[in-house]
Amino acid sequence: MIWQCGKYSFDSRMPVIMGILNVTPDSFSDGGQHNTYDEAIAHAKQMVDDGALIIDVGGESTRPGSAEVAVDEEIARTVEVVRALAAEDICVSIDTRHADVARACVEAGAAIINDVSGFRDPAMVQVAAQCDAGLVVMHMQGEPGTMQDNPTYDDVVTEVRDYLRNQAAMLEEAGVARNRISLDPGPGFGKTPKQTLELMRNLQEIVRLGYPVVAAPSRKRYVGEAYGIENAADRDEASATEALMACELGASVVRMHNVAVTAAMLEHLRPYCILALGANVALVGSDDEVQETLIAQLNQAIAELCKLPDSQLIDVSSYYESEPAYVEDQAKFVNAVCLMRTSMAPRDVLRAVHVIEDSLGRVRTLRNGPRTCDIDILDYQLYVSGDEELTLPHPRILERDFVVKPLLEILPNHVLADGTLVTTEHISLGWAKLIGQ
């Protein structure tokens, strides 16, 4: 999945650091540090040297309780900095909620519009539709001046996800290409630390929408409360840890103050591994309970996957019932796909899943025949192999409905390690339907 930002393209499978450049006197952790032209340019170039691929220039503080800045003043603070950085072939983002500021900075060379108000202003939507800049659509409950007064949600993850989905759809209806849009759940914007933590620990729900996701944990209050760090400027290491967690959950871009610390932390990012699970032989139970038993068996397999060393299960699809494939004279299957981050090598994962299969009574007498548990490695990040023991990506992914449907549920627009886009156009067997429908 490519995030297209003017002439710049970013592959969402590899995390990108967006360096924060506040040219303001009053931002919450670095106000006044870089608000002269020379200081701003020098700091931006240092962040690029440290590993930032995008510089996010902001001329208005949106910290809780902040007052709105006059548009002319915001343009005066930002536009020449944007122009100078763009002239150096640096991908520049303009962090603004004002259409006139966005327009002026795009004309000066900005390749991204980062709108903390989530393109609620029709004038900002018009600017977006009339240019080719990438967009960051952020969720914020209320306005910066009042957003922390009493943020209330019935379900913060669901409400933020649905808002972002609706705003992205609105932009597409306005003529913005889908591949220009990214989503930011807005940690700390109209959310308590507890609400923000719940949101950031369930970032995979935003990833499921199928757009690149921007995570912005840097120096936020929720980081301070979670790690016991009162001073915002002292939260860089903890913020980098949060950035790593966000990337493991699927974030494509992390917006950070301390680029060097973040880059060092992201070196620990584990590859993703996608696994398919299936079963059609119940170990126990009556005929009426077969489906429930098969689901229980796959749940047990998933529980065992959670125990693998230096690995983390990130997401699991819904369960699907599917017609048998290849060997048709057998019972229907229950299937699912899961996403894992792991430092285990692919062949070590293969051996581990064989042990799990065996523990659940897997019999291998007939190829593609009945089984109590089957676990296939579908894709392993950056790993392509064609040998007899392990072929990756799995050579039969795209023909199997019971694989493609659950895979696209958790990873829309997924591109395999060999560069193949996962689509439904080559499906020919194993027709599947969501259980319960």
Protein backbone atom coordinates (compact mmCIF):
# COMPACT_ATOMS: atom_id res chain seq x y z
CA MET A 1 0.00 0.00 0.00
CA ILE A 2 1.53 3.27 -1.18
CA TRP A 3 0.83 6.63 0.42
CA GLN A 4 1.15 9.15 -2.41
CA CYS A 5 2.15 12.65 -1.31
CA GLY A 6 2.70 14.81 -4.36
CA LYS A 7 5.91 13.56 -5.95
CA TYR A 8 6.79 11.47 -2.88
CA SER A 9 5.68 7.87 -2.37
CA PHE A 10 5.87 5.94 0.90
CA ASP A 11 5.50 2.16 1.20
CA SER A 12 3.23 1.59 4.20
CA ARG A 13 4.88 -1.77 4.98
CA MET A 14 7.99 0.05 6.22
CA PRO A 15 7.58 2.71 8.93
CA VAL A 16 8.37 6.32 8.14
CA ILE A 17 9.39 8.91 10.73
CA MET A 18 7.74 12.31 10.46
CA GLY A 19 9.83 14.84 12.39
CA ILE A 20 7.94 17.54 14.31
CA LEU A 21 9.00 21.12 13.60
CA ASN A 22 6.99 23.58 15.70
CA VAL A 23 7.71 27.15 14.63
CA THR A 24 5.64 28.47 17.52
CA PRO A 25 6.36 30.24 20.80
CA ASP A 26 3.92 28.12 22.82
CA SER A 27 3.83 24.44 21.78
CA PHE A 28 3.48 22.14 24.76
CA SER A 29 7.01 20.68 24.92
CA ASP A 30 9.20 22.69 22.53
CA GLY A 31 7.55 26.09 22.14
CA GLY A 32 10.06 28.81 21.29
CA GLN A 33 12.94 26.44 20.57
CA HIS A 34 12.77 26.58 16.77
CA ASN A 35 10.59 29.58 15.99
CA THR A 36 13.18 31.63 14.10
CA TYR A 37 13.82 30.87 10.45
CA ASP A 38 17.46 29.81 10.94
CA GLU A 39 16.70 27.66 13.99
CA ALA A 40 13.82 25.98 12.18
CA ILE A 41 15.85 25.13 9.07
CA ALA A 42 18.78 23.85 11.10
CA HIS A 43 16.57 21.64 13.28
CA ALA A 44 14.71 20.26 10.25
CA LYS A 45 17.96 19.30 8.52
CA GLN A 46 19.19 17.65 11.71
CA MET A 47 16.02 15.56 11.90
CA VAL A 48 16.49 14.50 8.28
CA ASP A 49 20.08 13.50 9.09
CA ASP A 50 18.72 11.50 12.05
CA GLY A 51 16.32 9.55 9.85
CA ALA A 52 13.15 11.59 9.26
CA LEU A 53 11.68 11.26 5.76
CA ILE A 54 9.00 13.90 6.38
CA ILE A 55 9.17 17.21 8.25
CA ASP A 56 5.86 18.35 9.74
CA VAL A 57 5.84 22.15 10.07
CA GLY A 58 3.34 23.67 12.50
CA GLY A 59 2.68 27.35 13.11
CA GLU A 60 -0.17 27.07 15.62
CA SER A 61 -0.05 25.28 18.95
CA THR A 62 -2.97 22.87 19.37
CA ARG A 63 -2.09 21.87 22.92
CA PRO A 64 -5.09 21.57 25.28
CA GLY A 65 -6.44 25.02 26.11
CA SER A 66 -4.58 26.80 23.34
CA ALA A 67 -6.03 29.86 21.59
CA GLU A 68 -6.50 30.05 17.82
CA VAL A 69 -3.78 31.90 15.88
CA ALA A 70 -4.66 34.43 13.20
CA VAL A 71 -4.27 32.96 9.72
CA ASP A 72 -1.89 35.70 8.55
CA GLU A 73 0.33 35.07 11.56
CA GLU A 74 0.33 31.29 10.96
CA ILE A 75 1.28 31.77 7.31
CA ALA A 76 4.06 34.19 8.28
CA ARG A 77 5.48 31.60 10.66
CA THR A 78 5.37 28.67 8.27
CA VAL A 79 5.41 29.46 4.58
CA GLU A 80 9.05 30.50 4.12
CA VAL A 81 10.26 27.56 6.20
CA VAL A 82 8.16 25.24 4.04
CA ARG A 83 9.49 26.86 0.87
CA ALA A 84 13.12 26.52 1.94
CA LEU A 85 12.81 22.88 3.00
CA ALA A 86 10.89 21.90 -0.13
CA ALA A 87 13.64 23.53 -2.21
CA GLU A 88 16.06 21.12 -0.53
CA ASP A 89 13.90 18.21 -1.81
CA ILE A 90 12.62 17.44 1.69
CA CYS A 91 9.09 16.09 1.93
CA VAL A 92 7.28 18.76 3.95
CA SER A 93 3.98 18.44 5.75
CA ILE A 94 2.00 21.47 6.88
CA ASP A 95 0.29 20.93 10.23
CA THR A 96 -2.73 23.24 10.12
CA ARG A 97 -6.51 23.34 10.49
CA HIS A 98 -6.87 26.45 8.31
CA ALA A 99 -7.54 26.18 4.59
CA ASP A 100 -5.72 29.39 3.67
CA VAL A 101 -2.58 28.21 5.48
CA ALA A 102 -2.73 24.82 3.79
CA ARG A 103 -3.18 26.42 0.37
CA ALA A 104 -0.28 28.84 0.83
CA CYS A 105 2.05 26.10 2.05
CA VAL A 106 1.12 23.65 -0.71
CA GLU A 107 1.84 26.40 -3.22
CA ALA A 108 5.20 26.87 -1.46
CA GLY A 109 6.01 23.17 -1.90
CA ALA A 110 4.38 21.25 0.97
CA ALA A 111 3.55 17.68 -0.10
CA ILE A 112 1.26 16.81 2.83
CA ILE A 113 -1.61 18.53 4.64
CA ASN A 114 -1.90 17.37 8.25
CA ASP A 115 -5.26 18.59 9.55
CA VAL A 116 -5.86 18.03 13.27
CA SER A 117 -9.53 18.88 12.75
CA GLY A 118 -9.93 15.99 10.31
CA PHE A 119 -11.01 18.00 7.24
CA ARG A 120 -14.27 19.08 8.87
CA ASP A 121 -13.99 22.48 7.16
CA PRO A 122 -15.43 22.39 3.60
CA ALA A 123 -12.82 24.96 2.58
CA MET A 124 -10.05 22.56 3.64
CA VAL A 125 -11.72 19.76 1.66
CA GLN A 126 -11.69 22.04 -1.37
CA VAL A 127 -7.96 22.69 -0.95
CA ALA A 128 -7.36 18.94 -0.67
CA ALA A 129 -9.37 18.19 -3.80
CA GLN A 130 -7.56 20.85 -5.82
CA CYS A 131 -4.01 19.62 -5.13
CA ASP A 132 -2.10 16.34 -5.12
CA ALA A 133 -0.77 16.51 -1.56
CA GLY A 134 -1.01 13.56 0.80
CA LEU A 135 -3.52 14.03 3.61
CA VAL A 136 -3.45 13.18 7.30
CA VAL A 137 -7.01 12.95 8.60
CA MET A 138 -6.93 13.21 12.38
CA HIS A 139 -9.65 12.59 14.96
CA MET A 140 -10.24 15.28 17.54
CA GLN A 141 -13.28 15.57 19.78
CA GLY A 142 -14.10 19.29 20.05
CA GLU A 143 -11.56 22.07 19.52
CA PRO A 144 -8.07 22.53 21.04
CA GLY A 145 -9.29 25.18 23.46
CA THR A 146 -11.96 22.93 25.00
CA MET A 147 -11.18 19.38 23.88
CA GLN A 148 -9.97 18.20 27.30
CA ASP A 149 -12.84 19.65 29.32
CA ASN A 150 -14.80 16.39 29.50
CA PRO A 151 -14.07 13.97 26.64
CA THR A 152 -16.71 11.24 26.66
CA TYR A 153 -17.08 8.07 24.60
CA ASP A 154 -19.20 4.94 24.83
CA ASP A 155 -16.47 3.04 22.95
CA VAL A 156 -13.46 5.17 22.03
CA VAL A 157 -11.96 2.68 19.57
CA THR A 158 -15.18 2.16 17.62
CA GLU A 159 -16.14 5.83 17.59
CA VAL A 160 -12.72 7.04 16.44
CA ARG A 161 -12.51 4.29 13.81
CA ASP A 162 -15.95 5.09 12.41
CA TYR A 163 -15.26 8.83 12.34
CA LEU A 164 -12.03 8.34 10.41
CA ARG A 165 -13.69 5.94 7.97
CA ASN A 166 -16.47 8.45 7.32
CA GLN A 167 -14.08 11.37 6.83
CA ALA A 168 -11.95 9.35 4.41
CA ALA A 169 -15.06 8.37 2.44
CA MET A 170 -16.13 12.01 2.34
CA LEU A 171 -12.76 13.04 0.91
CA GLU A 172 -12.93 10.34 -1.74
CA GLU A 173 -16.42 11.51 -2.71
CA ALA A 174 -14.94 15.01 -3.04
CA GLY A 175 -12.46 13.70 -5.62
CA VAL A 176 -9.40 12.88 -3.49
CA ALA A 177 -7.62 9.72 -4.59
CA ARG A 178 -7.71 6.99 -1.94
CA ASN A 179 -3.94 6.49 -2.04
CA ARG A 180 -3.40 10.09 -0.86
CA ILE A 181 -5.28 9.57 2.41
CA SER A 182 -3.82 8.51 5.77
CA LEU A 183 -5.54 8.31 9.15
CA ASP A 184 -4.44 9.51 12.59
CA PRO A 185 -6.50 8.50 15.66
CA GLY A 186 -5.38 11.67 17.44
CA PRO A 187 -3.89 10.51 20.74
CA GLY A 188 -4.54 13.12 23.42
CA PHE A 189 -6.88 15.23 21.27
CA GLY A 190 -10.22 15.21 23.07
CA LYS A 191 -9.31 12.03 24.93
CA THR A 192 -8.25 11.26 28.49
CA PRO A 193 -4.97 9.39 28.99
CA LYS A 194 -6.96 6.22 29.71
CA GLN A 195 -9.03 6.62 26.53
CA THR A 196 -5.90 7.35 24.51
CA LEU A 197 -4.11 4.29 25.86
CA GLU A 198 -7.06 2.06 24.97
CA LEU A 199 -7.09 3.54 21.48
CA MET A 200 -3.37 3.14 20.89
CA ARG A 201 -3.38 -0.46 22.14
CA ASN A 202 -6.06 -1.27 19.57
CA LEU A 203 -4.53 0.53 16.61
CA GLN A 204 -5.03 -2.55 14.43
CA GLU A 205 -8.73 -1.62 14.30
CA ILE A 206 -7.78 1.56 12.45
CA VAL A 207 -5.37 -0.37 10.21
CA ARG A 208 -8.27 -2.60 9.15
CA LEU A 209 -9.81 0.39 7.34
CA GLY A 210 -7.18 -0.03 4.63
CA TYR A 211 -5.43 3.35 4.74
CA PRO A 212 -1.92 4.14 5.98
CA VAL A 213 -2.08 4.97 9.69
CA VAL A 214 -0.16 7.79 11.36
CA ALA A 215 0.68 7.41 15.05
CA ALA A 216 1.64 10.48 17.07
CA PRO A 217 2.50 9.45 20.65
CA SER A 218 5.41 11.84 21.04
CA ARG A 219 5.61 13.38 24.54
CA LYS A 220 1.85 13.04 25.00
CA ARG A 221 0.24 13.11 28.43
CA TYR A 222 -0.87 9.47 28.16
CA VAL A 223 2.78 8.47 27.74
CA GLY A 224 3.66 10.44 30.84
CA GLU A 225 0.94 8.75 32.89
CA ALA A 226 1.64 5.25 31.52
CA TYR A 227 5.39 5.48 32.22
CA GLY A 228 5.33 7.78 35.24
CA ILE A 229 7.16 10.69 33.55
CA GLU A 230 5.82 14.11 34.53
CA ASN A 231 7.97 16.40 32.35
CA ALA A 232 6.99 16.20 28.66
CA ALA A 233 10.54 16.81 27.43
CA ASP A 234 11.71 13.72 29.35
CA ARG A 235 9.34 11.36 27.53
CA ASP A 236 11.35 10.75 24.35
CA GLU A 237 12.51 7.21 25.18
CA ALA A 238 9.02 6.19 26.31
CA SER A 239 7.51 7.89 23.26
CA ALA A 240 9.84 5.91 21.01
CA THR A 241 8.73 2.71 22.72
CA GLU A 242 5.13 3.69 21.98
CA ALA A 243 6.08 4.38 18.37
CA LEU A 244 7.57 0.89 18.07
CA MET A 245 4.39 -0.64 19.51
CA ALA A 246 2.29 1.39 17.08
CA CYS A 247 4.35 0.18 14.11
CA GLU A 248 4.04 -3.43 15.25
CA LEU A 249 0.26 -2.92 15.31
CA GLY A 250 0.42 -1.61 11.74
CA ALA A 251 1.14 2.13 11.83
CA SER A 252 2.93 3.35 8.70
CA VAL A 253 4.09 6.77 9.92
CA VAL A 254 5.17 7.93 13.38
CA ARG A 255 5.13 11.65 14.12
CA MET A 256 7.93 12.34 16.64
CA HIS A 257 9.96 15.08 18.30
CA ASN A 258 13.16 13.08 18.87
CA VAL A 259 13.94 11.44 15.56
CA ALA A 260 17.29 9.90 16.55
CA VAL A 261 15.86 8.06 19.56
CA THR A 262 12.88 6.91 17.51
CA ALA A 263 15.04 5.63 14.64
CA ALA A 264 17.15 3.63 17.07
CA MET A 265 14.04 2.12 18.64
CA LEU A 266 12.50 1.17 15.30
CA GLU A 267 15.52 -0.99 14.55
CA HIS A 268 13.85 -3.48 16.91
CA LEU A 269 10.72 -3.73 14.76
CA ARG A 270 9.95 -7.41 14.18
CA PRO A 271 8.83 -8.71 10.76
CA TYR A 272 5.19 -9.58 10.32
CA CYS A 273 4.11 -13.14 9.64
CA ILE A 274 0.64 -13.99 8.32
CA LEU A 275 -0.81 -17.40 9.17
CA ALA A 276 -3.91 -19.24 7.92
CA LEU A 277 -5.73 -21.66 10.21
CA GLY A 278 -8.27 -24.32 9.25
CA ALA A 279 -10.02 -27.36 10.72
CA ASN A 280 -12.80 -29.75 9.70
CA VAL A 281 -12.36 -32.70 12.08
CA ALA A 282 -13.77 -32.20 15.57
CA LEU A 283 -11.94 -33.91 18.40
CA VAL A 284 -15.08 -34.22 20.54
CA GLY A 285 -18.76 -33.28 20.48
CA SER A 286 -21.97 -34.19 18.70
CA ASP A 287 -22.82 -33.35 15.10
CA ASP A 288 -24.75 -30.29 16.29
CA GLU A 289 -21.66 -28.99 18.08
CA VAL A 290 -19.10 -29.56 15.32
CA GLN A 291 -18.71 -25.94 14.27
CA GLU A 292 -18.33 -24.74 17.86
CA THR A 293 -15.76 -27.47 18.50
CA LEU A 294 -13.77 -26.56 15.40
CA ILE A 295 -13.71 -22.93 16.51
CA ALA A 296 -12.55 -24.04 19.96
CA GLN A 297 -9.73 -26.04 18.38
CA LEU A 298 -8.57 -23.06 16.34
CA ASN A 299 -8.83 -20.88 19.46
CA GLN A 300 -6.51 -23.32 21.18
CA ALA A 301 -4.07 -23.09 18.29
CA ILE A 302 -4.18 -19.30 18.52
CA ALA A 303 -3.52 -19.52 22.26
CA GLU A 304 -0.44 -21.63 21.51
CA LEU A 305 0.76 -19.11 18.92
CA CYS A 306 0.63 -16.49 21.67
CA LYS A 307 3.22 -18.52 23.58
CA LEU A 308 5.87 -18.47 20.84
CA PRO A 309 9.10 -16.79 21.94
CA ASP A 310 9.63 -13.09 21.10
CA SER A 311 6.38 -13.05 19.16
CA GLN A 312 3.14 -11.13 19.49
CA LEU A 313 -0.23 -11.89 17.97
CA ILE A 314 -1.47 -8.61 16.47
CA ASP A 315 -4.84 -9.41 14.91
CA VAL A 316 -7.15 -12.34 14.14
CA SER A 317 -9.88 -12.35 11.52
CA SER A 318 -13.45 -13.50 12.00
CA TYR A 319 -14.17 -17.19 11.53
CA TYR A 320 -15.38 -18.38 8.13
CA GLU A 321 -17.05 -21.60 7.03
CA SER A 322 -15.69 -22.87 3.74
CA GLU A 323 -16.27 -25.55 1.18
CA PRO A 324 -13.48 -28.15 0.97
CA ALA A 325 -10.85 -27.53 -1.69
CA TYR A 326 -8.79 -29.97 -3.75
CA VAL A 327 -10.25 -33.04 -1.95
CA GLU A 328 -13.97 -32.35 -2.14
CA ASP A 329 -15.28 -35.49 -0.41
CA GLN A 330 -14.88 -34.21 3.14
CA ALA A 331 -16.64 -32.00 5.67
CA LYS A 332 -16.77 -28.20 5.54
CA PHE A 333 -13.95 -26.26 7.20
CA VAL A 334 -13.72 -23.45 9.70
CA ASN A 335 -11.00 -20.96 8.73
CA ALA A 336 -9.31 -17.80 9.99
CA VAL A 337 -6.20 -15.72 9.31
CA CYS A 338 -3.99 -14.12 11.93
CA LEU A 339 -1.20 -11.56 11.88
CA MET A 340 1.84 -11.98 14.11
CA ARG A 341 5.04 -10.03 14.73
CA THR A 342 7.98 -12.29 15.45
CA SER A 343 11.76 -12.43 15.58
CA MET A 344 11.62 -16.17 14.81
CA ALA A 345 13.00 -17.11 11.40
CA PRO A 346 10.42 -18.49 8.92
CA ARG A 347 11.60 -22.10 9.24
CA ASP A 348 11.50 -21.84 13.01
CA VAL A 349 7.91 -20.61 12.74
CA LEU A 350 7.17 -23.56 10.45
CA ARG A 351 8.53 -26.05 12.97
CA ALA A 352 6.64 -24.36 15.79
CA VAL A 353 3.28 -24.48 14.00
CA HIS A 354 3.83 -28.16 13.19
CA VAL A 355 4.22 -28.80 16.90
CA ILE A 356 0.93 -26.97 17.55
CA GLU A 357 -0.81 -28.97 14.82
CA ASP A 358 0.49 -32.24 16.28
CA SER A 359 -0.66 -31.27 19.78
CA LEU A 360 -4.18 -30.95 18.37
CA GLY A 361 -4.14 -34.37 16.70
CA ARG A 362 -3.16 -33.42 13.16
CA VAL A 363 -2.90 -36.47 10.84
CA ARG A 364 -0.98 -36.06 7.58
CA THR A 365 -1.95 -39.21 5.65
CA LEU A 366 -3.82 -37.40 2.85
CA ARG A 367 -2.60 -34.16 1.27
CA ASN A 368 -5.33 -31.51 1.59
CA GLY A 369 -7.42 -34.06 3.45
CA PRO A 370 -9.38 -33.82 6.72
CA ARG A 371 -7.58 -32.33 9.70
CA THR A 372 -8.12 -31.23 13.28
CA CYS A 373 -5.86 -28.23 12.80
CA ASP A 374 -3.91 -26.88 9.85
CA ILE A 375 -1.65 -23.82 10.07
CA ASP A 376 -0.07 -22.42 6.91
CA ILE A 377 2.44 -19.59 6.72
CA LEU A 378 1.01 -17.30 4.05
CA ASP A 379 3.50 -14.45 4.01
CA TYR A 380 6.58 -13.33 5.95
CA GLN A 381 7.76 -9.76 5.59
CA LEU A 382 10.68 -9.28 3.15
CA TYR A 383 11.14 -13.06 2.83
CA VAL A 384 10.71 -14.90 -0.46
CA SER A 385 11.57 -18.58 -0.74
CA GLY A 386 10.92 -21.26 -3.35
CA ASP A 387 12.44 -24.39 -1.85
CA GLU A 388 10.63 -27.66 -1.13
CA GLU A 389 10.44 -27.25 2.64
CA LEU A 390 8.95 -23.76 2.65
CA THR A 391 7.63 -21.72 -0.27
CA LEU A 392 6.86 -18.09 0.58
CA PRO A 393 4.64 -16.35 -0.12
CA HIS A 394 2.36 -19.40 -0.09
CA PRO A 395 1.85 -20.30 -3.76
CA ARG A 396 -1.91 -20.92 -3.47
CA ILE A 397 -3.03 -17.87 -1.51
CA LEU A 398 -4.85 -16.07 -4.28
CA GLU A 399 -6.94 -19.02 -5.49
CA ARG A 400 -8.42 -19.77 -2.05
CA ASP A 401 -11.53 -17.88 -0.98
CA PHE A 402 -11.13 -19.13 2.59
CA VAL A 403 -7.74 -17.39 2.74
CA VAL A 404 -8.34 -14.21 0.74
CA LYS A 405 -11.53 -13.16 2.55
CA PRO A 406 -10.14 -13.30 6.12
CA LEU A 407 -6.78 -11.90 5.00
CA LEU A 408 -8.36 -8.85 3.39
CA GLU A 409 -10.57 -8.40 6.46
CA ILE A 410 -7.55 -7.64 8.64
CA LEU A 411 -5.16 -6.32 5.97
CA PRO A 412 -7.02 -4.60 3.10
CA ASN A 413 -4.84 -3.94 0.04
CA HIS A 414 -2.10 -6.22 1.40
CA VAL A 415 0.97 -6.66 -0.81
CA LEU A 416 2.88 -9.92 -0.40
CA ALA A 417 6.62 -10.05 0.13
CA ASP A 418 7.14 -10.78 -3.57
CA GLY A 419 5.21 -7.63 -4.55
CA THR A 420 1.90 -9.32 -5.44
CA LEU A 421 -1.26 -7.44 -4.47
CA VAL A 422 -3.83 -9.65 -2.73
CA THR A 423 -7.15 -9.38 -4.59
CA THR A 424 -10.24 -11.51 -5.15
CA GLU A 425 -9.88 -11.78 -8.93
CA HIS A 426 -8.08 -15.16 -9.00
CA ILE A 427 -10.25 -17.03 -6.46
CA SER A 428 -11.41 -20.36 -7.86
CA LEU A 429 -12.15 -22.67 -4.92
CA GLY A 430 -12.78 -23.06 -1.20
CA TRP A 431 -15.73 -20.68 -1.18
CA ALA A 432 -16.17 -19.19 2.25
CA LYS A 433 -18.81 -17.26 4.20
CA LEU A 434 -18.63 -15.45 7.50
CA ILE A 435 -19.95 -17.65 10.27
CA GLY A 436 -23.25 -16.29 11.53
CA GLN A 437 -24.30 -14.84 8.19
